[in-house]
Amino acid sequence: MTDNLPPGYRSVGENRVRELVGLGLEDFAVGHVIEHRPARTVTETEHVQILALTGNEAPVHSDTEFCRRTGRDRPLVCGILTLNIVLGLTVRSTSALTTANLALDEVRFEHPVHVGDTLRAQSEILTARRSRSRPQQGIVTCRIEGHNQHDQRVLSCTRTFLVPADARVVRDATDY
């Protein structure tokens, strides 16, 4: 089976493969854009839970009548939920092997998000270099965008995180 491995898998035994998650430094090419799949539809449950967890009582997120009287047809999804869904969509294929997030910059909420909207994400690789203080790690910076089902950009930000310089070492040590 080693000869015919499907893309995105590695051999872990006779007639046995394991799906790859995350990338190592050598896998990031500056300028490449990664389209993350699957997309995710925002649910009412997620929306209500994030409001409860954060203590956010803003009526623009929870009061349909307030929204109607202020020119909105329905409540907005809390920005922190939008951010977390979009960032979460990027993790499996880029930073699943990360040891740390280093920065989240230039966060912009660019279009309203509502319960029932389906979000997808993409990451453009801006920089990728070996860490000077942690040579077994690489520092990667991505420009992340989230879009809704109408192809409207709802969020953009820049994220910097650590990845293993050699993903095979981490995969072998952790069984990933």
N, C-alpha and C. Protein backbone atom coordinates (compact mmCIF):
# COMPACT_ATOMS: atom_id res chain seq x y z
N MET A 1 0.82 -1.20 0.00
CA MET A 1 0.00 0.00 0.00
C MET A 1 0.86 1.26 0.00
N THR A 2 2.11 1.14 0.39
CA THR A 2 3.00 2.30 0.43
C THR A 2 3.13 2.95 -0.94
N ASP A 3 3.08 2.15 -2.00
CA ASP A 3 3.24 2.69 -3.35
C ASP A 3 2.03 3.51 -3.79
N ASN A 4 0.86 3.20 -3.30
CA ASN A 4 -0.36 3.87 -3.76
C ASN A 4 -1.04 4.64 -2.64
N LEU A 5 -0.29 5.40 -1.88
CA LEU A 5 -0.89 6.18 -0.80
C LEU A 5 -1.78 7.27 -1.37
N PRO A 6 -2.98 7.41 -0.85
CA PRO A 6 -3.80 8.54 -1.28
C PRO A 6 -3.18 9.84 -0.79
N PRO A 7 -3.37 10.93 -1.52
CA PRO A 7 -2.84 12.22 -1.07
C PRO A 7 -3.36 12.55 0.33
N GLY A 8 -2.48 13.08 1.16
CA GLY A 8 -2.89 13.49 2.49
C GLY A 8 -2.86 12.38 3.53
N TYR A 9 -2.22 11.26 3.19
CA TYR A 9 -2.13 10.13 4.12
C TYR A 9 -0.69 9.64 4.17
N ARG A 10 -0.34 8.97 5.27
CA ARG A 10 0.96 8.32 5.37
C ARG A 10 0.77 6.89 5.85
N SER A 11 1.69 6.05 5.49
CA SER A 11 1.63 4.65 5.89
C SER A 11 2.05 4.53 7.35
N VAL A 12 1.28 3.76 8.13
CA VAL A 12 1.61 3.52 9.53
C VAL A 12 1.66 2.03 9.85
N GLY A 13 1.61 1.20 8.83
CA GLY A 13 1.67 -0.24 9.00
C GLY A 13 1.21 -0.93 7.73
N GLU A 14 1.26 -2.23 7.75
CA GLU A 14 0.84 -2.97 6.57
C GLU A 14 -0.65 -2.77 6.33
N ASN A 15 -0.99 -2.30 5.13
CA ASN A 15 -2.39 -2.03 4.75
C ASN A 15 -3.09 -1.05 5.69
N ARG A 16 -2.31 -0.12 6.25
CA ARG A 16 -2.87 0.84 7.20
C ARG A 16 -2.30 2.23 6.90
N VAL A 17 -3.18 3.22 6.78
CA VAL A 17 -2.75 4.60 6.54
C VAL A 17 -3.36 5.51 7.60
N ARG A 18 -2.72 6.65 7.81
CA ARG A 18 -3.23 7.64 8.75
C ARG A 18 -3.35 8.98 8.03
N GLU A 19 -4.47 9.63 8.23
CA GLU A 19 -4.71 10.95 7.65
C GLU A 19 -3.73 11.96 8.25
N LEU A 20 -3.17 12.82 7.41
CA LEU A 20 -2.29 13.87 7.89
C LEU A 20 -3.11 15.08 8.31
N VAL A 21 -2.73 15.68 9.42
CA VAL A 21 -3.32 16.95 9.84
C VAL A 21 -2.17 17.91 10.12
N GLY A 22 -2.38 19.17 9.84
CA GLY A 22 -1.37 20.17 10.10
C GLY A 22 -0.21 20.09 9.13
N LEU A 23 0.55 21.15 9.08
CA LEU A 23 1.70 21.24 8.19
C LEU A 23 2.95 21.55 9.00
N GLY A 24 4.08 21.18 8.43
CA GLY A 24 5.36 21.59 8.98
C GLY A 24 5.90 22.75 8.18
N LEU A 25 6.93 23.37 8.69
CA LEU A 25 7.49 24.57 8.04
C LEU A 25 7.77 24.35 6.56
N GLU A 26 8.31 23.19 6.21
CA GLU A 26 8.68 22.93 4.82
C GLU A 26 7.47 22.87 3.89
N ASP A 27 6.26 22.75 4.45
CA ASP A 27 5.04 22.65 3.64
C ASP A 27 4.42 24.00 3.30
N PHE A 28 4.89 25.06 3.94
CA PHE A 28 4.33 26.39 3.70
C PHE A 28 5.11 27.12 2.63
N ALA A 29 4.43 27.54 1.57
CA ALA A 29 5.06 28.30 0.49
C ALA A 29 4.45 29.70 0.46
N VAL A 30 5.29 30.70 0.65
CA VAL A 30 4.82 32.08 0.65
C VAL A 30 4.08 32.37 -0.65
N GLY A 31 2.92 32.97 -0.53
CA GLY A 31 2.10 33.31 -1.68
C GLY A 31 1.00 32.31 -1.96
N HIS A 32 1.13 31.08 -1.45
CA HIS A 32 0.07 30.09 -1.66
C HIS A 32 -1.17 30.47 -0.87
N VAL A 33 -2.32 30.16 -1.44
CA VAL A 33 -3.60 30.37 -0.77
C VAL A 33 -4.23 29.00 -0.57
N ILE A 34 -4.56 28.71 0.68
CA ILE A 34 -5.19 27.44 1.03
C ILE A 34 -6.68 27.70 1.22
N GLU A 35 -7.50 27.00 0.47
CA GLU A 35 -8.96 27.06 0.63
C GLU A 35 -9.36 25.94 1.57
N HIS A 36 -9.89 26.30 2.72
CA HIS A 36 -10.22 25.31 3.76
C HIS A 36 -11.63 24.77 3.56
N ARG A 37 -11.76 23.47 3.71
CA ARG A 37 -13.04 22.80 3.63
C ARG A 37 -13.11 21.76 4.73
N PRO A 38 -14.24 21.40 5.24
CA PRO A 38 -15.57 21.83 4.82
C PRO A 38 -15.90 23.21 5.39
N ALA A 39 -16.93 23.82 4.84
CA ALA A 39 -17.48 25.07 5.36
C ALA A 39 -18.31 24.73 6.61
N ARG A 40 -18.74 25.75 7.34
CA ARG A 40 -19.56 25.52 8.54
C ARG A 40 -20.74 26.47 8.58
N THR A 41 -21.89 25.94 8.89
CA THR A 41 -23.10 26.76 9.06
C THR A 41 -23.24 27.13 10.53
N VAL A 42 -23.43 28.42 10.79
CA VAL A 42 -23.59 28.91 12.16
C VAL A 42 -24.95 28.48 12.69
N THR A 43 -24.96 27.86 13.86
CA THR A 43 -26.22 27.38 14.43
C THR A 43 -26.71 28.29 15.55
N GLU A 44 -28.00 28.21 15.82
CA GLU A 44 -28.60 28.96 16.93
C GLU A 44 -27.96 28.53 18.25
N THR A 45 -27.72 27.25 18.40
CA THR A 45 -27.11 26.75 19.64
C THR A 45 -25.76 27.38 19.89
N GLU A 46 -24.91 27.43 18.87
CA GLU A 46 -23.59 28.05 19.03
C GLU A 46 -23.73 29.52 19.41
N HIS A 47 -24.65 30.19 18.74
CA HIS A 47 -24.86 31.62 18.98
C HIS A 47 -25.28 31.86 20.43
N VAL A 48 -26.25 31.11 20.91
CA VAL A 48 -26.74 31.28 22.28
C VAL A 48 -25.66 30.90 23.29
N GLN A 49 -24.93 29.82 23.02
CA GLN A 49 -23.88 29.39 23.94
C GLN A 49 -22.77 30.42 24.06
N ILE A 50 -22.34 31.02 22.96
CA ILE A 50 -21.25 31.99 23.04
C ILE A 50 -21.70 33.23 23.79
N LEU A 51 -22.96 33.64 23.62
CA LEU A 51 -23.47 34.78 24.38
C LEU A 51 -23.45 34.46 25.87
N ALA A 52 -23.87 33.25 26.25
CA ALA A 52 -23.88 32.86 27.65
C ALA A 52 -22.45 32.74 28.21
N LEU A 53 -21.57 32.12 27.45
CA LEU A 53 -20.20 31.93 27.92
C LEU A 53 -19.45 33.24 28.10
N THR A 54 -19.71 34.20 27.23
CA THR A 54 -18.98 35.47 27.31
C THR A 54 -19.71 36.52 28.14
N GLY A 55 -20.96 36.25 28.50
CA GLY A 55 -21.73 37.24 29.25
C GLY A 55 -22.17 38.42 28.40
N ASN A 56 -22.16 38.25 27.10
CA ASN A 56 -22.52 39.33 26.18
C ASN A 56 -24.04 39.50 26.19
N GLU A 57 -24.49 40.64 26.69
CA GLU A 57 -25.92 40.91 26.78
C GLU A 57 -26.38 41.98 25.80
N ALA A 58 -25.56 42.29 24.80
CA ALA A 58 -25.93 43.33 23.84
C ALA A 58 -27.19 42.90 23.08
N PRO A 59 -28.22 43.74 23.07
CA PRO A 59 -29.47 43.37 22.41
C PRO A 59 -29.33 43.15 20.90
N VAL A 60 -28.31 43.70 20.27
CA VAL A 60 -28.12 43.49 18.84
C VAL A 60 -27.85 42.02 18.53
N HIS A 61 -27.46 41.26 19.57
CA HIS A 61 -27.19 39.83 19.41
C HIS A 61 -28.32 38.93 19.91
N SER A 62 -29.26 39.50 20.68
CA SER A 62 -30.21 38.61 21.35
C SER A 62 -31.67 39.06 21.33
N ASP A 63 -31.93 40.28 20.94
CA ASP A 63 -33.29 40.82 21.04
C ASP A 63 -33.82 41.14 19.63
N THR A 64 -34.68 40.26 19.13
CA THR A 64 -35.22 40.42 17.78
C THR A 64 -35.98 41.73 17.63
N GLU A 65 -36.74 42.11 18.64
CA GLU A 65 -37.51 43.36 18.58
C GLU A 65 -36.60 44.58 18.55
N PHE A 66 -35.54 44.57 19.36
CA PHE A 66 -34.56 45.65 19.33
C PHE A 66 -33.96 45.76 17.93
N CYS A 67 -33.59 44.62 17.35
CA CYS A 67 -33.00 44.62 16.00
C CYS A 67 -33.98 45.20 14.98
N ARG A 68 -35.24 44.77 15.06
CA ARG A 68 -36.25 45.27 14.13
C ARG A 68 -36.39 46.78 14.24
N ARG A 69 -36.43 47.30 15.47
CA ARG A 69 -36.61 48.75 15.69
C ARG A 69 -35.38 49.57 15.34
N THR A 70 -34.24 48.91 15.19
CA THR A 70 -33.02 49.63 14.81
C THR A 70 -32.58 49.30 13.39
N GLY A 71 -33.50 48.75 12.59
CA GLY A 71 -33.23 48.57 11.17
C GLY A 71 -32.61 47.25 10.76
N ARG A 72 -32.60 46.29 11.65
CA ARG A 72 -32.07 44.97 11.30
C ARG A 72 -33.21 43.97 11.31
N ASP A 73 -33.18 43.03 10.39
CA ASP A 73 -34.27 42.06 10.33
C ASP A 73 -34.10 40.92 11.32
N ARG A 74 -32.89 40.74 11.86
CA ARG A 74 -32.64 39.68 12.83
C ARG A 74 -31.34 39.97 13.58
N PRO A 75 -31.12 39.30 14.70
CA PRO A 75 -29.90 39.55 15.48
C PRO A 75 -28.63 39.15 14.74
N LEU A 76 -27.56 39.84 15.07
CA LEU A 76 -26.24 39.54 14.52
C LEU A 76 -25.57 38.46 15.36
N VAL A 77 -24.82 37.61 14.71
CA VAL A 77 -23.98 36.66 15.45
C VAL A 77 -22.84 37.45 16.08
N CYS A 78 -22.52 37.13 17.31
CA CYS A 78 -21.43 37.79 18.04
C CYS A 78 -20.12 37.62 17.26
N GLY A 79 -19.35 38.69 17.16
CA GLY A 79 -18.10 38.67 16.40
C GLY A 79 -17.12 37.63 16.89
N ILE A 80 -17.09 37.37 18.19
CA ILE A 80 -16.14 36.39 18.71
C ILE A 80 -16.46 34.99 18.18
N LEU A 81 -17.74 34.70 17.96
CA LEU A 81 -18.13 33.42 17.38
C LEU A 81 -17.70 33.36 15.91
N THR A 82 -17.94 34.42 15.18
CA THR A 82 -17.51 34.47 13.78
C THR A 82 -16.00 34.24 13.69
N LEU A 83 -15.25 34.94 14.51
CA LEU A 83 -13.79 34.81 14.51
C LEU A 83 -13.38 33.37 14.82
N ASN A 84 -13.99 32.78 15.83
CA ASN A 84 -13.61 31.43 16.23
C ASN A 84 -13.98 30.39 15.18
N ILE A 85 -15.11 30.54 14.54
CA ILE A 85 -15.48 29.58 13.48
C ILE A 85 -14.49 29.69 12.32
N VAL A 86 -14.23 30.91 11.87
CA VAL A 86 -13.31 31.09 10.73
C VAL A 86 -11.92 30.57 11.08
N LEU A 87 -11.39 30.94 12.23
CA LEU A 87 -10.06 30.44 12.61
C LEU A 87 -10.07 28.93 12.76
N GLY A 88 -11.13 28.40 13.35
CA GLY A 88 -11.24 26.96 13.52
C GLY A 88 -11.21 26.21 12.20
N LEU A 89 -11.79 26.80 11.17
CA LEU A 89 -11.79 26.17 9.85
C LEU A 89 -10.38 26.02 9.29
N THR A 90 -9.45 26.85 9.73
CA THR A 90 -8.09 26.84 9.19
C THR A 90 -7.16 25.87 9.90
N VAL A 91 -7.50 25.47 11.11
CA VAL A 91 -6.57 24.73 11.96
C VAL A 91 -6.17 23.38 11.39
N ARG A 92 -7.13 22.58 10.99
CA ARG A 92 -6.83 21.20 10.57
C ARG A 92 -5.76 21.15 9.49
N SER A 93 -5.85 22.02 8.51
CA SER A 93 -4.91 21.94 7.40
C SER A 93 -3.66 22.79 7.57
N THR A 94 -3.64 23.73 8.48
CA THR A 94 -2.44 24.56 8.62
C THR A 94 -1.74 24.34 9.96
N SER A 95 -2.42 24.57 11.05
CA SER A 95 -1.74 24.66 12.34
C SER A 95 -2.13 23.58 13.34
N ALA A 96 -2.61 22.44 12.87
CA ALA A 96 -3.00 21.38 13.80
C ALA A 96 -1.83 20.86 14.62
N LEU A 97 -0.61 21.03 14.15
CA LEU A 97 0.57 20.59 14.89
C LEU A 97 1.24 21.73 15.65
N THR A 98 0.59 22.88 15.73
CA THR A 98 1.20 24.05 16.36
C THR A 98 1.45 23.83 17.85
N THR A 99 2.45 24.53 18.34
CA THR A 99 2.71 24.53 19.78
C THR A 99 2.29 25.85 20.42
N ALA A 100 2.02 26.87 19.60
CA ALA A 100 1.60 28.16 20.16
C ALA A 100 1.08 29.08 19.07
N ASN A 101 0.08 29.85 19.44
CA ASN A 101 -0.32 31.00 18.65
C ASN A 101 0.51 32.17 19.15
N LEU A 102 1.03 32.96 18.24
CA LEU A 102 1.88 34.09 18.63
C LEU A 102 1.18 35.43 18.49
N ALA A 103 0.32 35.58 17.50
CA ALA A 103 -0.33 36.87 17.31
C ALA A 103 -1.58 36.72 16.47
N LEU A 104 -2.51 37.59 16.73
CA LEU A 104 -3.71 37.75 15.92
C LEU A 104 -3.85 39.25 15.73
N ASP A 105 -3.65 39.70 14.50
CA ASP A 105 -3.59 41.14 14.22
C ASP A 105 -4.59 41.53 13.15
N GLU A 106 -4.86 42.82 13.09
CA GLU A 106 -5.67 43.41 12.03
C GLU A 106 -7.00 42.71 11.84
N VAL A 107 -7.67 42.39 12.94
CA VAL A 107 -8.97 41.71 12.87
C VAL A 107 -10.01 42.72 12.41
N ARG A 108 -10.73 42.36 11.35
CA ARG A 108 -11.78 43.22 10.79
C ARG A 108 -13.04 42.39 10.55
N PHE A 109 -14.15 42.87 11.08
CA PHE A 109 -15.45 42.27 10.81
C PHE A 109 -16.07 43.09 9.70
N GLU A 110 -16.20 42.50 8.52
CA GLU A 110 -16.49 43.27 7.33
C GLU A 110 -17.90 43.15 6.80
N HIS A 111 -18.64 42.16 7.27
CA HIS A 111 -20.02 41.98 6.80
C HIS A 111 -20.77 41.24 7.91
N PRO A 112 -22.04 41.58 8.12
CA PRO A 112 -22.79 40.92 9.19
C PRO A 112 -22.92 39.41 8.98
N VAL A 113 -22.94 38.69 10.09
CA VAL A 113 -23.16 37.24 10.07
C VAL A 113 -24.40 36.96 10.92
N HIS A 114 -25.25 36.06 10.41
CA HIS A 114 -26.48 35.68 11.10
C HIS A 114 -26.53 34.17 11.27
N VAL A 115 -27.32 33.72 12.22
CA VAL A 115 -27.56 32.29 12.37
C VAL A 115 -28.06 31.77 11.03
N GLY A 116 -27.54 30.64 10.61
CA GLY A 116 -27.91 30.05 9.32
C GLY A 116 -26.94 30.36 8.21
N ASP A 117 -26.06 31.35 8.40
CA ASP A 117 -25.05 31.64 7.39
C ASP A 117 -24.01 30.52 7.38
N THR A 118 -23.48 30.21 6.21
CA THR A 118 -22.44 29.20 6.07
C THR A 118 -21.13 29.91 5.78
N LEU A 119 -20.14 29.64 6.61
CA LEU A 119 -18.85 30.31 6.51
C LEU A 119 -17.79 29.35 5.99
N ARG A 120 -16.89 29.90 5.18
CA ARG A 120 -15.72 29.16 4.72
C ARG A 120 -14.51 30.07 4.89
N ALA A 121 -13.34 29.49 4.87
CA ALA A 121 -12.12 30.25 5.15
C ALA A 121 -11.04 29.97 4.12
N GLN A 122 -10.11 30.93 4.03
CA GLN A 122 -8.91 30.72 3.23
C GLN A 122 -7.75 31.40 3.95
N SER A 123 -6.56 30.84 3.74
CA SER A 123 -5.34 31.37 4.34
C SER A 123 -4.32 31.63 3.26
N GLU A 124 -3.81 32.84 3.19
CA GLU A 124 -2.70 33.16 2.29
C GLU A 124 -1.43 33.18 3.12
N ILE A 125 -0.44 32.43 2.71
CA ILE A 125 0.82 32.35 3.44
C ILE A 125 1.63 33.62 3.14
N LEU A 126 1.87 34.43 4.18
CA LEU A 126 2.61 35.67 4.01
C LEU A 126 4.10 35.49 4.29
N THR A 127 4.42 34.78 5.38
CA THR A 127 5.81 34.51 5.72
C THR A 127 5.91 33.11 6.34
N ALA A 128 7.06 32.50 6.17
CA ALA A 128 7.35 31.21 6.80
C ALA A 128 8.87 31.13 6.96
N ARG A 129 9.30 31.07 8.22
CA ARG A 129 10.75 31.03 8.48
C ARG A 129 11.03 30.22 9.74
N ARG A 130 12.25 29.75 9.85
CA ARG A 130 12.68 29.03 11.04
C ARG A 130 12.82 30.03 12.20
N SER A 131 12.40 29.62 13.36
CA SER A 131 12.53 30.47 14.56
C SER A 131 14.00 30.55 14.97
N ARG A 132 14.45 31.75 15.30
CA ARG A 132 15.84 31.92 15.76
C ARG A 132 16.01 31.40 17.19
N SER A 133 14.99 31.59 18.02
CA SER A 133 15.11 31.16 19.42
C SER A 133 14.70 29.71 19.64
N ARG A 134 13.93 29.14 18.71
CA ARG A 134 13.49 27.75 18.79
C ARG A 134 13.71 27.10 17.42
N PRO A 135 14.93 26.68 17.13
CA PRO A 135 15.24 26.20 15.78
C PRO A 135 14.46 24.96 15.35
N GLN A 136 13.85 24.24 16.27
CA GLN A 136 13.01 23.09 15.90
C GLN A 136 11.60 23.52 15.48
N GLN A 137 11.36 24.83 15.53
CA GLN A 137 10.05 25.39 15.20
C GLN A 137 10.18 26.37 14.04
N GLY A 138 9.06 26.56 13.35
CA GLY A 138 8.98 27.58 12.32
C GLY A 138 7.91 28.58 12.70
N ILE A 139 8.06 29.79 12.24
CA ILE A 139 7.07 30.85 12.48
C ILE A 139 6.38 31.15 11.16
N VAL A 140 5.07 31.01 11.15
CA VAL A 140 4.28 31.21 9.95
C VAL A 140 3.27 32.32 10.19
N THR A 141 3.14 33.20 9.23
CA THR A 141 2.12 34.24 9.27
C THR A 141 1.21 34.09 8.06
N CYS A 142 -0.10 34.08 8.33
CA CYS A 142 -1.11 33.92 7.28
C CYS A 142 -2.09 35.08 7.32
N ARG A 143 -2.56 35.46 6.17
CA ARG A 143 -3.70 36.38 6.06
C ARG A 143 -4.92 35.50 5.90
N ILE A 144 -5.84 35.59 6.84
CA ILE A 144 -7.02 34.73 6.85
C ILE A 144 -8.24 35.55 6.49
N GLU A 145 -9.06 34.97 5.63
CA GLU A 145 -10.34 35.58 5.27
C GLU A 145 -11.45 34.57 5.48
N GLY A 146 -12.59 35.07 5.96
CA GLY A 146 -13.80 34.27 6.06
C GLY A 146 -14.85 34.85 5.14
N HIS A 147 -15.54 33.99 4.41
CA HIS A 147 -16.59 34.41 3.48
C HIS A 147 -17.88 33.66 3.80
N ASN A 148 -19.00 34.31 3.48
CA ASN A 148 -20.29 33.63 3.68
C ASN A 148 -20.73 32.96 2.39
N GLN A 149 -21.93 32.39 2.43
CA GLN A 149 -22.45 31.63 1.29
C GLN A 149 -22.71 32.51 0.06
N HIS A 150 -22.71 33.82 0.23
CA HIS A 150 -22.90 34.75 -0.89
C HIS A 150 -21.56 35.30 -1.39
N ASP A 151 -20.46 34.71 -0.91
CA ASP A 151 -19.10 35.11 -1.26
C ASP A 151 -18.76 36.52 -0.76
N GLN A 152 -19.44 36.97 0.28
CA GLN A 152 -19.12 38.25 0.90
C GLN A 152 -18.08 37.99 1.99
N ARG A 153 -17.04 38.80 2.01
CA ARG A 153 -16.02 38.65 3.05
C ARG A 153 -16.60 39.16 4.36
N VAL A 154 -16.65 38.29 5.36
CA VAL A 154 -17.22 38.65 6.65
C VAL A 154 -16.14 38.96 7.67
N LEU A 155 -14.93 38.47 7.44
CA LEU A 155 -13.85 38.64 8.41
C LEU A 155 -12.51 38.57 7.71
N SER A 156 -11.56 39.36 8.19
CA SER A 156 -10.17 39.22 7.76
C SER A 156 -9.28 39.48 8.96
N CYS A 157 -8.14 38.81 8.98
CA CYS A 157 -7.17 39.00 10.06
C CYS A 157 -5.83 38.42 9.63
N THR A 158 -4.82 38.71 10.42
CA THR A 158 -3.50 38.12 10.22
C THR A 158 -3.19 37.29 11.47
N ARG A 159 -2.74 36.06 11.25
CA ARG A 159 -2.45 35.15 12.36
C ARG A 159 -1.02 34.63 12.22
N THR A 160 -0.29 34.64 13.34
CA THR A 160 1.07 34.12 13.38
C THR A 160 1.12 33.00 14.41
N PHE A 161 1.75 31.86 14.04
CA PHE A 161 1.79 30.71 14.92
C PHE A 161 3.07 29.91 14.69
N LEU A 162 3.40 29.06 15.67
CA LEU A 162 4.55 28.18 15.57
C LEU A 162 4.14 26.83 15.00
N VAL A 163 4.95 26.30 14.12
CA VAL A 163 4.75 24.94 13.59
C VAL A 163 6.08 24.20 13.72
N PRO A 164 6.04 22.88 13.69
CA PRO A 164 7.31 22.15 13.73
C PRO A 164 8.11 22.41 12.45
N ALA A 165 9.41 22.56 12.61
CA ALA A 165 10.26 22.71 11.42
C ALA A 165 10.19 21.44 10.58
N ASP A 166 10.10 20.29 11.25
CA ASP A 166 9.98 19.00 10.56
C ASP A 166 8.75 18.29 11.13
N ALA A 167 7.66 18.31 10.39
CA ALA A 167 6.40 17.73 10.86
C ALA A 167 6.52 16.24 11.14
N ARG A 168 7.41 15.54 10.42
CA ARG A 168 7.55 14.09 10.63
C ARG A 168 7.99 13.77 12.05
N VAL A 169 8.86 14.58 12.61
CA VAL A 169 9.34 14.35 13.98
C VAL A 169 8.17 14.41 14.96
N VAL A 170 7.32 15.42 14.82
CA VAL A 170 6.17 15.56 15.72
C VAL A 170 5.16 14.44 15.47
N ARG A 171 4.91 14.13 14.21
CA ARG A 171 3.95 13.05 13.90
C ARG A 171 4.42 11.71 14.48
N ASP A 172 5.70 11.42 14.36
CA ASP A 172 6.22 10.17 14.90
C ASP A 172 6.16 10.15 16.43
N ALA A 173 6.44 11.28 17.06
CA ALA A 173 6.46 11.34 18.54
C ALA A 173 5.05 11.33 19.14
N THR A 174 4.06 11.77 18.36
CA THR A 174 2.70 11.93 18.92
C THR A 174 1.68 11.00 18.32
N ASP A 175 2.08 10.19 17.35
CA ASP A 175 1.15 9.29 16.65
C ASP A 175 0.16 10.03 15.78
N TYR A 176 0.54 11.18 15.25
CA TYR A 176 -0.34 11.92 14.33
C TYR A 176 0.08 11.72 12.91
